[in-house]
Amino acid sequence: MRRYGWVIRLRPDHRDTYLRLHAAVWPDVEQTLREANIRNYSIFLHRDLLFGYYEYVGEDHDADQRRIAEDPQTREWWKLTDPCQESLAEPGSGHWWAPMHEVWHLTEEAS
C-alpha cells in the first residue's frame, strides 16, 4: 500500500457547488476509484485549499490513473468539479491536483 496526498485551490465563488457535489458523490465515480485500487480516499478543506489523501493498493498507479481518466462517468463528474478548482500543479506536469511529498508517517507499531 502506498499513500498519496494532493492539494488544489477551491475557488471561493464555487465553494457551495463543490461541497454540494461532494455531499453526494456519484456511485459510479466511487466504484471506478475502487476498481482502480484506491482506498480510504478523503478530501479535506481548509479555507480555500483542498487536501486529498488516498491509499493505493494496486501494482501500477499510472495505469490505474489512466483508467480513472478514461471512465465516462468520471469525465462527466470532472466537468462539474474542475471549474470549482484552481490547479496548483507545476505547469506541464500533467497533474490537475498538485502532488504532495510525504515527510512523516506514524506507524502502528514502534520499531
PDB file of N, CA and C in Angstrom:
ATOM      1  N   MET A   1       0.849  -1.178   0.000  1.00  0.00           N
ATOM      2  CA  MET A   1       0.000   0.000   0.000  1.00  0.00           C
ATOM      3  C   MET A   1       0.891   1.236   0.000  1.00  0.00           C
ATOM      4  N   ARG A   2       0.511   2.207  -0.791  1.00  0.00           N
ATOM      5  CA  ARG A   2       1.236   3.476  -0.848  1.00  0.00           C
ATOM      6  C   ARG A   2       0.248   4.615  -0.610  1.00  0.00           C
ATOM      7  N   ARG A   3       0.675   5.624   0.151  1.00  0.00           N
ATOM      8  CA  ARG A   3      -0.161   6.781   0.465  1.00  0.00           C
ATOM      9  C   ARG A   3       0.129   7.923  -0.522  1.00  0.00           C
ATOM     10  N   TYR A   4      -0.932   8.647  -0.895  1.00  0.00           N
ATOM     11  CA  TYR A   4      -0.795   9.795  -1.792  1.00  0.00           C
ATOM     12  C   TYR A   4      -1.519  10.990  -1.187  1.00  0.00           C
ATOM     13  N   GLY A   5      -0.897  12.153  -1.267  1.00  0.00           N
ATOM     14  CA  GLY A   5      -1.513  13.404  -0.859  1.00  0.00           C
ATOM     15  C   GLY A   5      -1.457  14.395  -2.005  1.00  0.00           C
ATOM     16  N   TRP A   6      -2.534  15.146  -2.183  1.00  0.00           N
ATOM     17  CA  TRP A   6      -2.659  16.107  -3.289  1.00  0.00           C
ATOM     18  C   TRP A   6      -3.300  17.378  -2.759  1.00  0.00           C
ATOM     19  N   VAL A   7      -3.008  18.500  -3.404  1.00  0.00           N
ATOM     20  CA  VAL A   7      -3.595  19.770  -2.987  1.00  0.00           C
ATOM     21  C   VAL A   7      -4.042  20.561  -4.221  1.00  0.00           C
ATOM     22  N   ILE A   8      -5.106  21.324  -4.038  1.00  0.00           N
ATOM     23  CA  ILE A   8      -5.633  22.189  -5.101  1.00  0.00           C
ATOM     24  C   ILE A   8      -6.379  23.329  -4.411  1.00  0.00           C
ATOM     25  N   ARG A   9      -6.534  24.430  -5.106  1.00  0.00           N
ATOM     26  CA  ARG A   9      -7.273  25.573  -4.552  1.00  0.00           C
ATOM     27  C   ARG A   9      -8.747  25.456  -4.939  1.00  0.00           C
ATOM     28  N   LEU A  10      -9.620  25.722  -3.973  1.00  0.00           N
ATOM     29  CA  LEU A  10     -11.059  25.790  -4.212  1.00  0.00           C
ATOM     30  C   LEU A  10     -11.415  27.238  -4.516  1.00  0.00           C
ATOM     31  N   ARG A  11     -12.039  27.454  -5.644  1.00  0.00           N
ATOM     32  CA  ARG A  11     -12.454  28.814  -5.996  1.00  0.00           C
ATOM     33  C   ARG A  11     -13.584  29.227  -5.043  1.00  0.00           C
ATOM     34  N   PRO A  12     -13.389  30.334  -4.310  1.00  0.00           N
ATOM     35  CA  PRO A  12     -14.396  30.734  -3.307  1.00  0.00           C
ATOM     36  C   PRO A  12     -15.806  30.881  -3.871  1.00  0.00           C
ATOM     37  N   ASP A  13     -15.925  31.359  -5.103  1.00  0.00           N
ATOM     38  CA  ASP A  13     -17.251  31.549  -5.685  1.00  0.00           C
ATOM     39  C   ASP A  13     -17.906  30.230  -6.111  1.00  0.00           C
ATOM     40  N   HIS A  14     -17.165  29.117  -6.030  1.00  0.00           N
ATOM     41  CA  HIS A  14     -17.706  27.800  -6.364  1.00  0.00           C
ATOM     42  C   HIS A  14     -17.780  26.880  -5.142  1.00  0.00           C
ATOM     43  N   ARG A  15     -17.499  27.423  -3.989  1.00  0.00           N
ATOM     44  CA  ARG A  15     -17.441  26.617  -2.763  1.00  0.00           C
ATOM     45  C   ARG A  15     -18.734  25.835  -2.525  1.00  0.00           C
ATOM     46  N   ASP A  16     -19.856  26.510  -2.566  1.00  0.00           N
ATOM     47  CA  ASP A  16     -21.136  25.844  -2.297  1.00  0.00           C
ATOM     48  C   ASP A  16     -21.405  24.724  -3.295  1.00  0.00           C
ATOM     49  N   THR A  17     -21.115  24.964  -4.550  1.00  0.00           N
ATOM     50  CA  THR A  17     -21.313  23.936  -5.577  1.00  0.00           C
ATOM     51  C   THR A  17     -20.445  22.724  -5.298  1.00  0.00           C
ATOM     52  N   TYR A  18     -19.175  22.952  -5.008  1.00  0.00           N
ATOM     53  CA  TYR A  18     -18.242  21.854  -4.748  1.00  0.00           C
ATOM     54  C   TYR A  18     -18.685  21.035  -3.536  1.00  0.00           C
ATOM     55  N   LEU A  19     -19.057  21.699  -2.474  1.00  0.00           N
ATOM     56  CA  LEU A  19     -19.491  20.992  -1.271  1.00  0.00           C
ATOM     57  C   LEU A  19     -20.792  20.227  -1.509  1.00  0.00           C
ATOM     58  N   ARG A  20     -21.700  20.814  -2.270  1.00  0.00           N
ATOM     59  CA  ARG A  20     -22.955  20.125  -2.593  1.00  0.00           C
ATOM     60  C   ARG A  20     -22.677  18.866  -3.414  1.00  0.00           C
ATOM     61  N   LEU A  21     -21.797  18.976  -4.403  1.00  0.00           N
ATOM     62  CA  LEU A  21     -21.460  17.814  -5.221  1.00  0.00           C
ATOM     63  C   LEU A  21     -20.845  16.699  -4.375  1.00  0.00           C
ATOM     64  N   HIS A  22     -19.967  17.070  -3.476  1.00  0.00           N
ATOM     65  CA  HIS A  22     -19.275  16.053  -2.681  1.00  0.00           C
ATOM     66  C   HIS A  22     -20.106  15.523  -1.515  1.00  0.00           C
ATOM     67  N   ALA A  23     -21.240  16.126  -1.267  1.00  0.00           N
ATOM     68  CA  ALA A  23     -22.164  15.567  -0.280  1.00  0.00           C
ATOM     69  C   ALA A  23     -22.866  14.334  -0.846  1.00  0.00           C
ATOM     70  N   ALA A  24     -22.787  14.158  -2.168  1.00  0.00           N
ATOM     71  CA  ALA A  24     -23.436  13.018  -2.828  1.00  0.00           C
ATOM     72  C   ALA A  24     -22.636  12.632  -4.078  1.00  0.00           C
ATOM     73  N   VAL A  25     -21.431  12.137  -3.864  1.00  0.00           N
ATOM     74  CA  VAL A  25     -20.594  11.717  -4.996  1.00  0.00           C
ATOM     75  C   VAL A  25     -21.300  10.575  -5.724  1.00  0.00           C
ATOM     76  N   TRP A  26     -21.253  10.621  -7.046  1.00  0.00           N
ATOM     77  CA  TRP A  26     -21.933   9.616  -7.854  1.00  0.00           C
ATOM     78  C   TRP A  26     -21.381   8.217  -7.556  1.00  0.00           C
ATOM     79  N   PRO A  27     -22.243   7.247  -7.340  1.00  0.00           N
ATOM     80  CA  PRO A  27     -21.794   5.884  -7.051  1.00  0.00           C
ATOM     81  C   PRO A  27     -20.875   5.303  -8.134  1.00  0.00           C
ATOM     82  N   ASP A  28     -21.137   5.609  -9.402  1.00  0.00           N
ATOM     83  CA  ASP A  28     -20.271   5.091 -10.476  1.00  0.00           C
ATOM     84  C   ASP A  28     -18.857   5.654 -10.381  1.00  0.00           C
ATOM     85  N   VAL A  29     -18.737   6.908  -9.968  1.00  0.00           N
ATOM     86  CA  VAL A  29     -17.416   7.521  -9.793  1.00  0.00           C
ATOM     87  C   VAL A  29     -16.693   6.838  -8.638  1.00  0.00           C
ATOM     88  N   GLU A  30     -17.397   6.611  -7.548  1.00  0.00           N
ATOM     89  CA  GLU A  30     -16.788   5.912  -6.411  1.00  0.00           C
ATOM     90  C   GLU A  30     -16.367   4.501  -6.795  1.00  0.00           C
ATOM     91  N   GLN A  31     -17.195   3.807  -7.576  1.00  0.00           N
ATOM     92  CA  GLN A  31     -16.867   2.438  -7.980  1.00  0.00           C
ATOM     93  C   GLN A  31     -15.633   2.410  -8.880  1.00  0.00           C
ATOM     94  N   THR A  32     -15.511   3.376  -9.757  1.00  0.00           N
ATOM     95  CA  THR A  32     -14.324   3.446 -10.614  1.00  0.00           C
ATOM     96  C   THR A  32     -13.070   3.616  -9.774  1.00  0.00           C
ATOM     97  N   LEU A  33     -13.126   4.441  -8.750  1.00  0.00           N
ATOM     98  CA  LEU A  33     -11.979   4.604  -7.854  1.00  0.00           C
ATOM     99  C   LEU A  33     -11.631   3.287  -7.168  1.00  0.00           C
ATOM    100  N   ARG A  34     -12.636   2.589  -6.674  1.00  0.00           N
ATOM    101  CA  ARG A  34     -12.388   1.298  -6.026  1.00  0.00           C
ATOM    102  C   ARG A  34     -11.742   0.313  -7.002  1.00  0.00           C
ATOM    103  N   GLU A  35     -12.279   0.249  -8.228  1.00  0.00           N
ATOM    104  CA  GLU A  35     -11.745  -0.672  -9.229  1.00  0.00           C
ATOM    105  C   GLU A  35     -10.321  -0.311  -9.635  1.00  0.00           C
ATOM    106  N   ALA A  36      -9.940   0.947  -9.445  1.00  0.00           N
ATOM    107  CA  ALA A  36      -8.586   1.407  -9.745  1.00  0.00           C
ATOM    108  C   ALA A  36      -7.680   1.314  -8.519  1.00  0.00           C
ATOM    109  N   ASN A  37      -8.093   0.518  -7.538  1.00  0.00           N
ATOM    110  CA  ASN A  37      -7.255   0.213  -6.369  1.00  0.00           C
ATOM    111  C   ASN A  37      -7.035   1.382  -5.425  1.00  0.00           C
ATOM    112  N   ILE A  38      -7.979   2.322  -5.402  1.00  0.00           N
ATOM    113  CA  ILE A  38      -7.936   3.461  -4.481  1.00  0.00           C
ATOM    114  C   ILE A  38      -8.737   3.081  -3.233  1.00  0.00           C
ATOM    115  N   ARG A  39      -8.140   3.319  -2.071  1.00  0.00           N
ATOM    116  CA  ARG A  39      -8.805   3.032  -0.808  1.00  0.00           C
ATOM    117  C   ARG A  39      -8.660   4.232   0.121  1.00  0.00           C
ATOM    118  N   ASN A  40      -9.577   4.349   1.081  1.00  0.00           N
ATOM    119  CA  ASN A  40      -9.508   5.386   2.118  1.00  0.00           C
ATOM    120  C   ASN A  40      -9.291   6.784   1.541  1.00  0.00           C
ATOM    121  N   TYR A  41     -10.056   7.110   0.508  1.00  0.00           N
ATOM    122  CA  TYR A  41      -9.933   8.417  -0.139  1.00  0.00           C
ATOM    123  C   TYR A  41     -10.703   9.441   0.690  1.00  0.00           C
ATOM    124  N   SER A  42     -10.038  10.512   1.049  1.00  0.00           N
ATOM    125  CA  SER A  42     -10.658  11.612   1.783  1.00  0.00           C
ATOM    126  C   SER A  42     -10.229  12.929   1.157  1.00  0.00           C
ATOM    127  N   ILE A  43     -11.116  13.903   1.195  1.00  0.00           N
ATOM    128  CA  ILE A  43     -10.782  15.270   0.798  1.00  0.00           C
ATOM    129  C   ILE A  43     -11.103  16.161   1.984  1.00  0.00           C
ATOM    130  N   PHE A  44     -10.114  16.966   2.379  1.00  0.00           N
ATOM    131  CA  PHE A  44     -10.253  17.886   3.499  1.00  0.00           C
ATOM    132  C   PHE A  44     -10.218  19.313   2.970  1.00  0.00           C
ATOM    133  N   LEU A  45     -10.899  20.212   3.658  1.00  0.00           N
ATOM    134  CA  LEU A  45     -10.952  21.614   3.266  1.00  0.00           C
ATOM    135  C   LEU A  45     -10.407  22.489   4.383  1.00  0.00           C
ATOM    136  N   HIS A  46      -9.500  23.392   4.026  1.00  0.00           N
ATOM    137  CA  HIS A  46      -9.016  24.429   4.939  1.00  0.00           C
ATOM    138  C   HIS A  46      -9.030  25.740   4.165  1.00  0.00           C
ATOM    139  N   ARG A  47      -9.912  26.642   4.571  1.00  0.00           N
ATOM    140  CA  ARG A  47     -10.129  27.912   3.876  1.00  0.00           C
ATOM    141  C   ARG A  47     -10.374  27.643   2.393  1.00  0.00           C
ATOM    142  N   ASP A  48      -9.422  27.992   1.524  1.00  0.00           N
ATOM    143  CA  ASP A  48      -9.636  27.753   0.096  1.00  0.00           C
ATOM    144  C   ASP A  48      -8.720  26.653  -0.444  1.00  0.00           C
ATOM    145  N   LEU A  49      -8.173  25.822   0.435  1.00  0.00           N
ATOM    146  CA  LEU A  49      -7.325  24.714  -0.008  1.00  0.00           C
ATOM    147  C   LEU A  49      -8.022  23.383   0.230  1.00  0.00           C
ATOM    148  N   LEU A  50      -7.994  22.546  -0.791  1.00  0.00           N
ATOM    149  CA  LEU A  50      -8.485  21.183  -0.672  1.00  0.00           C
ATOM    150  C   LEU A  50      -7.277  20.258  -0.602  1.00  0.00           C
ATOM    151  N   PHE A  51      -7.282  19.370   0.363  1.00  0.00           N
ATOM    152  CA  PHE A  51      -6.238  18.371   0.503  1.00  0.00           C
ATOM    153  C   PHE A  51      -6.871  17.005   0.304  1.00  0.00           C
ATOM    154  N   GLY A  52      -6.380  16.258  -0.668  1.00  0.00           N
ATOM    155  CA  GLY A  52      -6.873  14.912  -0.920  1.00  0.00           C
ATOM    156  C   GLY A  52      -5.851  13.885  -0.470  1.00  0.00           C
ATOM    157  N   TYR A  53      -6.349  12.815   0.133  1.00  0.00           N
ATOM    158  CA  TYR A  53      -5.497  11.727   0.595  1.00  0.00           C
ATOM    159  C   TYR A  53      -6.144  10.410   0.194  1.00  0.00           C
ATOM    160  N   TYR A  54      -5.328   9.490  -0.314  1.00  0.00           N
ATOM    161  CA  TYR A  54      -5.822   8.132  -0.548  1.00  0.00           C
ATOM    162  C   TYR A  54      -4.685   7.141  -0.428  1.00  0.00           C
ATOM    163  N   GLU A  55      -5.083   5.889  -0.282  1.00  0.00           N
ATOM    164  CA  GLU A  55      -4.139   4.786  -0.235  1.00  0.00           C
ATOM    165  C   GLU A  55      -4.317   3.972  -1.507  1.00  0.00           C
ATOM    166  N   TYR A  56      -3.207   3.612  -2.127  1.00  0.00           N
ATOM    167  CA  TYR A  56      -3.221   2.855  -3.371  1.00  0.00           C
ATOM    168  C   TYR A  56      -2.735   1.440  -3.098  1.00  0.00           C
ATOM    169  N   VAL A  57      -3.551   0.445  -3.465  1.00  0.00           N
ATOM    170  CA  VAL A  57      -3.217  -0.944  -3.176  1.00  0.00           C
ATOM    171  C   VAL A  57      -2.906  -1.758  -4.432  1.00  0.00           C
ATOM    172  N   GLY A  58      -2.801  -1.109  -5.571  1.00  0.00           N
ATOM    173  CA  GLY A  58      -2.541  -1.818  -6.810  1.00  0.00           C
ATOM    174  C   GLY A  58      -1.057  -1.939  -7.117  1.00  0.00           C
ATOM    175  N   GLU A  59      -0.781  -2.370  -8.340  1.00  0.00           N
ATOM    176  CA  GLU A  59       0.599  -2.593  -8.791  1.00  0.00           C
ATOM    177  C   GLU A  59       1.090  -1.538  -9.780  1.00  0.00           C
ATOM    178  N   ASP A  60       0.158  -0.839 -10.441  1.00  0.00           N
ATOM    179  CA  ASP A  60       0.548   0.115 -11.487  1.00  0.00           C
ATOM    180  C   ASP A  60      -0.305   1.386 -11.354  1.00  0.00           C
ATOM    181  N   HIS A  61       0.171   2.316 -10.525  1.00  0.00           N
ATOM    182  CA  HIS A  61      -0.570   3.541 -10.234  1.00  0.00           C
ATOM    183  C   HIS A  61      -0.866   4.333 -11.504  1.00  0.00           C
ATOM    184  N   ASP A  62       0.127   4.484 -12.378  1.00  0.00           N
ATOM    185  CA  ASP A  62      -0.084   5.259 -13.605  1.00  0.00           C
ATOM    186  C   ASP A  62      -1.185   4.650 -14.469  1.00  0.00           C
ATOM    187  N   ALA A  63      -1.185   3.332 -14.625  1.00  0.00           N
ATOM    188  CA  ALA A  63      -2.213   2.671 -15.436  1.00  0.00           C
ATOM    189  C   ALA A  63      -3.591   2.836 -14.796  1.00  0.00           C
ATOM    190  N   ASP A  64      -3.655   2.721 -13.479  1.00  0.00           N
ATOM    191  CA  ASP A  64      -4.943   2.896 -12.814  1.00  0.00           C
ATOM    192  C   ASP A  64      -5.421   4.340 -12.896  1.00  0.00           C
ATOM    193  N   GLN A  65      -4.513   5.296 -12.850  1.00  0.00           N
ATOM    194  CA  GLN A  65      -4.898   6.698 -13.020  1.00  0.00           C
ATOM    195  C   GLN A  65      -5.442   6.942 -14.426  1.00  0.00           C
ATOM    196  N   ARG A  66      -4.838   6.309 -15.426  1.00  0.00           N
ATOM    197  CA  ARG A  66      -5.355   6.431 -16.801  1.00  0.00           C
ATOM    198  C   ARG A  66      -6.745   5.812 -16.904  1.00  0.00           C
ATOM    199  N   ARG A  67      -6.952   4.687 -16.224  1.00  0.00           N
ATOM    200  CA  ARG A  67      -8.263   4.038 -16.250  1.00  0.00           C
ATOM    201  C   ARG A  67      -9.325   4.964 -15.657  1.00  0.00           C
ATOM    202  N   ILE A  68      -8.999   5.631 -14.570  1.00  0.00           N
ATOM    203  CA  ILE A  68      -9.929   6.592 -13.968  1.00  0.00           C
ATOM    204  C   ILE A  68     -10.233   7.709 -14.969  1.00  0.00           C
ATOM    205  N   ALA A  69      -9.192   8.261 -15.585  1.00  0.00           N
ATOM    206  CA  ALA A  69      -9.343   9.388 -16.514  1.00  0.00           C
ATOM    207  C   ALA A  69     -10.126   9.016 -17.769  1.00  0.00           C
ATOM    208  N   GLU A  70     -10.148   7.743 -18.124  1.00  0.00           N
ATOM    209  CA  GLU A  70     -10.869   7.289 -19.318  1.00  0.00           C
ATOM    210  C   GLU A  70     -12.326   6.929 -19.032  1.00  0.00           C
ATOM    211  N   ASP A  71     -12.705   6.851 -17.771  1.00  0.00           N
ATOM    212  CA  ASP A  71     -14.064   6.472 -17.412  1.00  0.00           C
ATOM    213  C   ASP A  71     -15.052   7.587 -17.775  1.00  0.00           C
ATOM    214  N   PRO A  72     -16.081   7.283 -18.564  1.00  0.00           N
ATOM    215  CA  PRO A  72     -17.033   8.317 -18.993  1.00  0.00           C
ATOM    216  C   PRO A  72     -17.743   9.030 -17.842  1.00  0.00           C
ATOM    217  N   GLN A  73     -18.167   8.304 -16.810  1.00  0.00           N
ATOM    218  CA  GLN A  73     -18.851   8.944 -15.683  1.00  0.00           C
ATOM    219  C   GLN A  73     -17.906   9.872 -14.923  1.00  0.00           C
ATOM    220  N   THR A  74     -16.669   9.444 -14.743  1.00  0.00           N
ATOM    221  CA  THR A  74     -15.689  10.284 -14.061  1.00  0.00           C
ATOM    222  C   THR A  74     -15.426  11.545 -14.866  1.00  0.00           C
ATOM    223  N   ARG A  75     -15.348  11.426 -16.168  1.00  0.00           N
ATOM    224  CA  ARG A  75     -15.125  12.602 -17.021  1.00  0.00           C
ATOM    225  C   ARG A  75     -16.286  13.591 -16.892  1.00  0.00           C
ATOM    226  N   GLU A  76     -17.509  13.072 -16.802  1.00  0.00           N
ATOM    227  CA  GLU A  76     -18.676  13.940 -16.598  1.00  0.00           C
ATOM    228  C   GLU A  76     -18.607  14.608 -15.227  1.00  0.00           C
ATOM    229  N   TRP A  77     -18.197  13.855 -14.220  1.00  0.00           N
ATOM    230  CA  TRP A  77     -18.035  14.393 -12.864  1.00  0.00           C
ATOM    231  C   TRP A  77     -17.039  15.536 -12.877  1.00  0.00           C
ATOM    232  N   TRP A  78     -15.925  15.328 -13.544  1.00  0.00           N
ATOM    233  CA  TRP A  78     -14.881  16.361 -13.609  1.00  0.00           C
ATOM    234  C   TRP A  78     -15.356  17.620 -14.323  1.00  0.00           C
ATOM    235  N   LYS A  79     -16.278  17.475 -15.283  1.00  0.00           N
ATOM    236  CA  LYS A  79     -16.835  18.662 -15.947  1.00  0.00           C
ATOM    237  C   LYS A  79     -17.551  19.564 -14.939  1.00  0.00           C
ATOM    238  N   LEU A  80     -18.078  18.958 -13.884  1.00  0.00           N
ATOM    239  CA  LEU A  80     -18.758  19.720 -12.835  1.00  0.00           C
ATOM    240  C   LEU A  80     -17.795  20.234 -11.770  1.00  0.00           C
ATOM    241  N   THR A  81     -16.801  19.415 -11.405  1.00  0.00           N
ATOM    242  CA  THR A  81     -15.916  19.780 -10.301  1.00  0.00           C
ATOM    243  C   THR A  81     -14.723  20.628 -10.732  1.00  0.00           C
ATOM    244  N   ASP A  82     -14.183  20.401 -11.919  1.00  0.00           N
ATOM    245  CA  ASP A  82     -12.986  21.151 -12.343  1.00  0.00           C
ATOM    246  C   ASP A  82     -13.182  22.664 -12.330  1.00  0.00           C
ATOM    247  N   PRO A  83     -14.320  23.196 -12.773  1.00  0.00           N
ATOM    248  CA  PRO A  83     -14.491  24.655 -12.722  1.00  0.00           C
ATOM    249  C   PRO A  83     -14.481  25.222 -11.298  1.00  0.00           C
ATOM    250  N   CYS A  84     -14.669  24.349 -10.310  1.00  0.00           N
ATOM    251  CA  CYS A  84     -14.662  24.775  -8.913  1.00  0.00           C
ATOM    252  C   CYS A  84     -13.244  24.906  -8.365  1.00  0.00           C
ATOM    253  N   GLN A  85     -12.268  24.442  -9.136  1.00  0.00           N
ATOM    254  CA  GLN A  85     -10.904  24.330  -8.645  1.00  0.00           C
ATOM    255  C   GLN A  85      -9.928  25.162  -9.474  1.00  0.00           C
ATOM    256  N   GLU A  86      -8.825  25.522  -8.818  1.00  0.00           N
ATOM    257  CA  GLU A  86      -7.705  26.194  -9.484  1.00  0.00           C
ATOM    258  C   GLU A  86      -6.459  25.375  -9.200  1.00  0.00           C
ATOM    259  N   SER A  87      -5.860  24.851 -10.248  1.00  0.00           N
ATOM    260  CA  SER A  87      -4.714  23.964 -10.085  1.00  0.00           C
ATOM    261  C   SER A  87      -3.519  24.680  -9.478  1.00  0.00           C
ATOM    262  N   LEU A  88      -2.811  23.967  -8.623  1.00  0.00           N
ATOM    263  CA  LEU A  88      -1.556  24.447  -8.044  1.00  0.00           C
ATOM    264  C   LEU A  88      -0.378  23.622  -8.560  1.00  0.00           C
ATOM    265  N   ALA A  89      -0.646  22.708  -9.480  1.00  0.00           N
ATOM    266  CA  ALA A  89       0.394  21.831 -10.015  1.00  0.00           C
ATOM    267  C   ALA A  89       1.354  22.607 -10.915  1.00  0.00           C
ATOM    268  N   GLU A  90       2.552  22.089 -11.025  1.00  0.00           N
ATOM    269  CA  GLU A  90       3.544  22.681 -11.913  1.00  0.00           C
ATOM    270  C   GLU A  90       3.033  22.631 -13.349  1.00  0.00           C
ATOM    271  N   PRO A  91       3.090  23.751 -14.077  1.00  0.00           N
ATOM    272  CA  PRO A  91       2.669  23.732 -15.480  1.00  0.00           C
ATOM    273  C   PRO A  91       3.457  22.668 -16.254  1.00  0.00           C
ATOM    274  N   GLY A  92       2.750  21.933 -17.090  1.00  0.00           N
ATOM    275  CA  GLY A  92       3.388  20.902 -17.892  1.00  0.00           C
ATOM    276  C   GLY A  92       3.582  19.579 -17.167  1.00  0.00           C
ATOM    277  N   SER A  93       3.172  19.503 -15.900  1.00  0.00           N
ATOM    278  CA  SER A  93       3.368  18.273 -15.127  1.00  0.00           C
ATOM    279  C   SER A  93       2.363  17.183 -15.498  1.00  0.00           C
ATOM    280  N   GLY A  94       1.268  17.581 -16.122  1.00  0.00           N
ATOM    281  CA  GLY A  94       0.225  16.619 -16.431  1.00  0.00           C
ATOM    282  C   GLY A  94      -0.735  16.385 -15.274  1.00  0.00           C
ATOM    283  N   HIS A  95      -0.515  17.076 -14.161  1.00  0.00           N
ATOM    284  CA  HIS A  95      -1.379  16.936 -12.992  1.00  0.00           C
ATOM    285  C   HIS A  95      -2.361  18.103 -12.909  1.00  0.00           C
ATOM    286  N   TRP A  96      -3.545  17.831 -12.390  1.00  0.00           N
ATOM    287  CA  TRP A  96      -4.516  18.883 -12.072  1.00  0.00           C
ATOM    288  C   TRP A  96      -4.353  19.243 -10.598  1.00  0.00           C
ATOM    289  N   TRP A  97      -4.428  18.225  -9.727  1.00  0.00           N
ATOM    290  CA  TRP A  97      -4.112  18.403  -8.314  1.00  0.00           C
ATOM    291  C   TRP A  97      -2.593  18.315  -8.183  1.00  0.00           C
ATOM    292  N   ALA A  98      -1.999  19.153  -7.350  1.00  0.00           N
ATOM    293  CA  ALA A  98      -0.546  19.139  -7.155  1.00  0.00           C
ATOM    294  C   ALA A  98      -0.169  18.016  -6.187  1.00  0.00           C
ATOM    295  N   PRO A  99       0.751  17.149  -6.592  1.00  0.00           N
ATOM    296  CA  PRO A  99       1.167  16.084  -5.680  1.00  0.00           C
ATOM    297  C   PRO A  99       1.954  16.645  -4.506  1.00  0.00           C
ATOM    298  N   MET A 100       1.766  16.027  -3.357  1.00  0.00           N
ATOM    299  CA  MET A 100       2.493  16.416  -2.154  1.00  0.00           C
ATOM    300  C   MET A 100       3.456  15.284  -1.807  1.00  0.00           C
ATOM    301  N   HIS A 101       4.532  15.634  -1.133  1.00  0.00           N
ATOM    302  CA  HIS A 101       5.520  14.638  -0.736  1.00  0.00           C
ATOM    303  C   HIS A 101       5.381  14.369   0.751  1.00  0.00           C
ATOM    304  N   GLU A 102       5.269  13.090   1.078  1.00  0.00           N
ATOM    305  CA  GLU A 102       5.138  12.701   2.481  1.00  0.00           C
ATOM    306  C   GLU A 102       6.463  12.942   3.199  1.00  0.00           C
ATOM    307  N   VAL A 103       6.408  13.654   4.304  1.00  0.00           N
ATOM    308  CA  VAL A 103       7.624  13.932   5.073  1.00  0.00           C
ATOM    309  C   VAL A 103       7.658  13.181   6.403  1.00  0.00           C
ATOM    310  N   TRP A 104       6.518  12.611   6.817  1.00  0.00           N
ATOM    311  CA  TRP A 104       6.475  11.873   8.069  1.00  0.00           C
ATOM    312  C   TRP A 104       5.231  11.019   8.094  1.00  0.00           C
ATOM    313  N   HIS A 105       5.341   9.863   8.761  1.00  0.00           N
ATOM    314  CA  HIS A 105       4.195   8.969   8.917  1.00  0.00           C
ATOM    315  C   HIS A 105       4.345   8.216  10.227  1.00  0.00           C
ATOM    316  N   LEU A 106       3.301   8.226  11.038  1.00  0.00           N
ATOM    317  CA  LEU A 106       3.276   7.471  12.279  1.00  0.00           C
ATOM    318  C   LEU A 106       2.858   6.050  11.959  1.00  0.00           C
ATOM    319  N   THR A 107       3.710   5.096  12.246  1.00  0.00           N
ATOM    320  CA  THR A 107       3.363   3.700  12.018  1.00  0.00           C
ATOM    321  C   THR A 107       2.535   3.189  13.186  1.00  0.00           C
ATOM    322  N   GLU A 108       1.894   2.048  12.966  1.00  0.00           N
ATOM    323  CA  GLU A 108       1.050   1.475  14.007  1.00  0.00           C
ATOM    324  C   GLU A 108       1.861   0.946  15.185  1.00  0.00           C
ATOM    325  N   GLU A 109       3.030   0.443  14.919  1.00  0.00           N
ATOM    326  CA  GLU A 109       3.869  -0.158  15.955  1.00  0.00           C
ATOM    327  C   GLU A 109       5.191   0.590  16.052  1.00  0.00           C
ATOM    328  N   ALA A 110       5.707   0.665  17.249  1.00  0.00           N
ATOM    329  CA  ALA A 110       7.042   1.254  17.440  1.00  0.00           C
ATOM    330  C   ALA A 110       8.088   0.300  16.892  1.00  0.00           C
ATOM    331  N   SER A 111       9.127   0.847  16.289  1.00  0.00           N
ATOM    332  CA  SER A 111      10.185  -0.001  15.730  1.00  0.00           C
ATOM    333  C   SER A 111      11.111  -0.499  16.810  1.00  0.00           C
TER     334      SER A 111
END
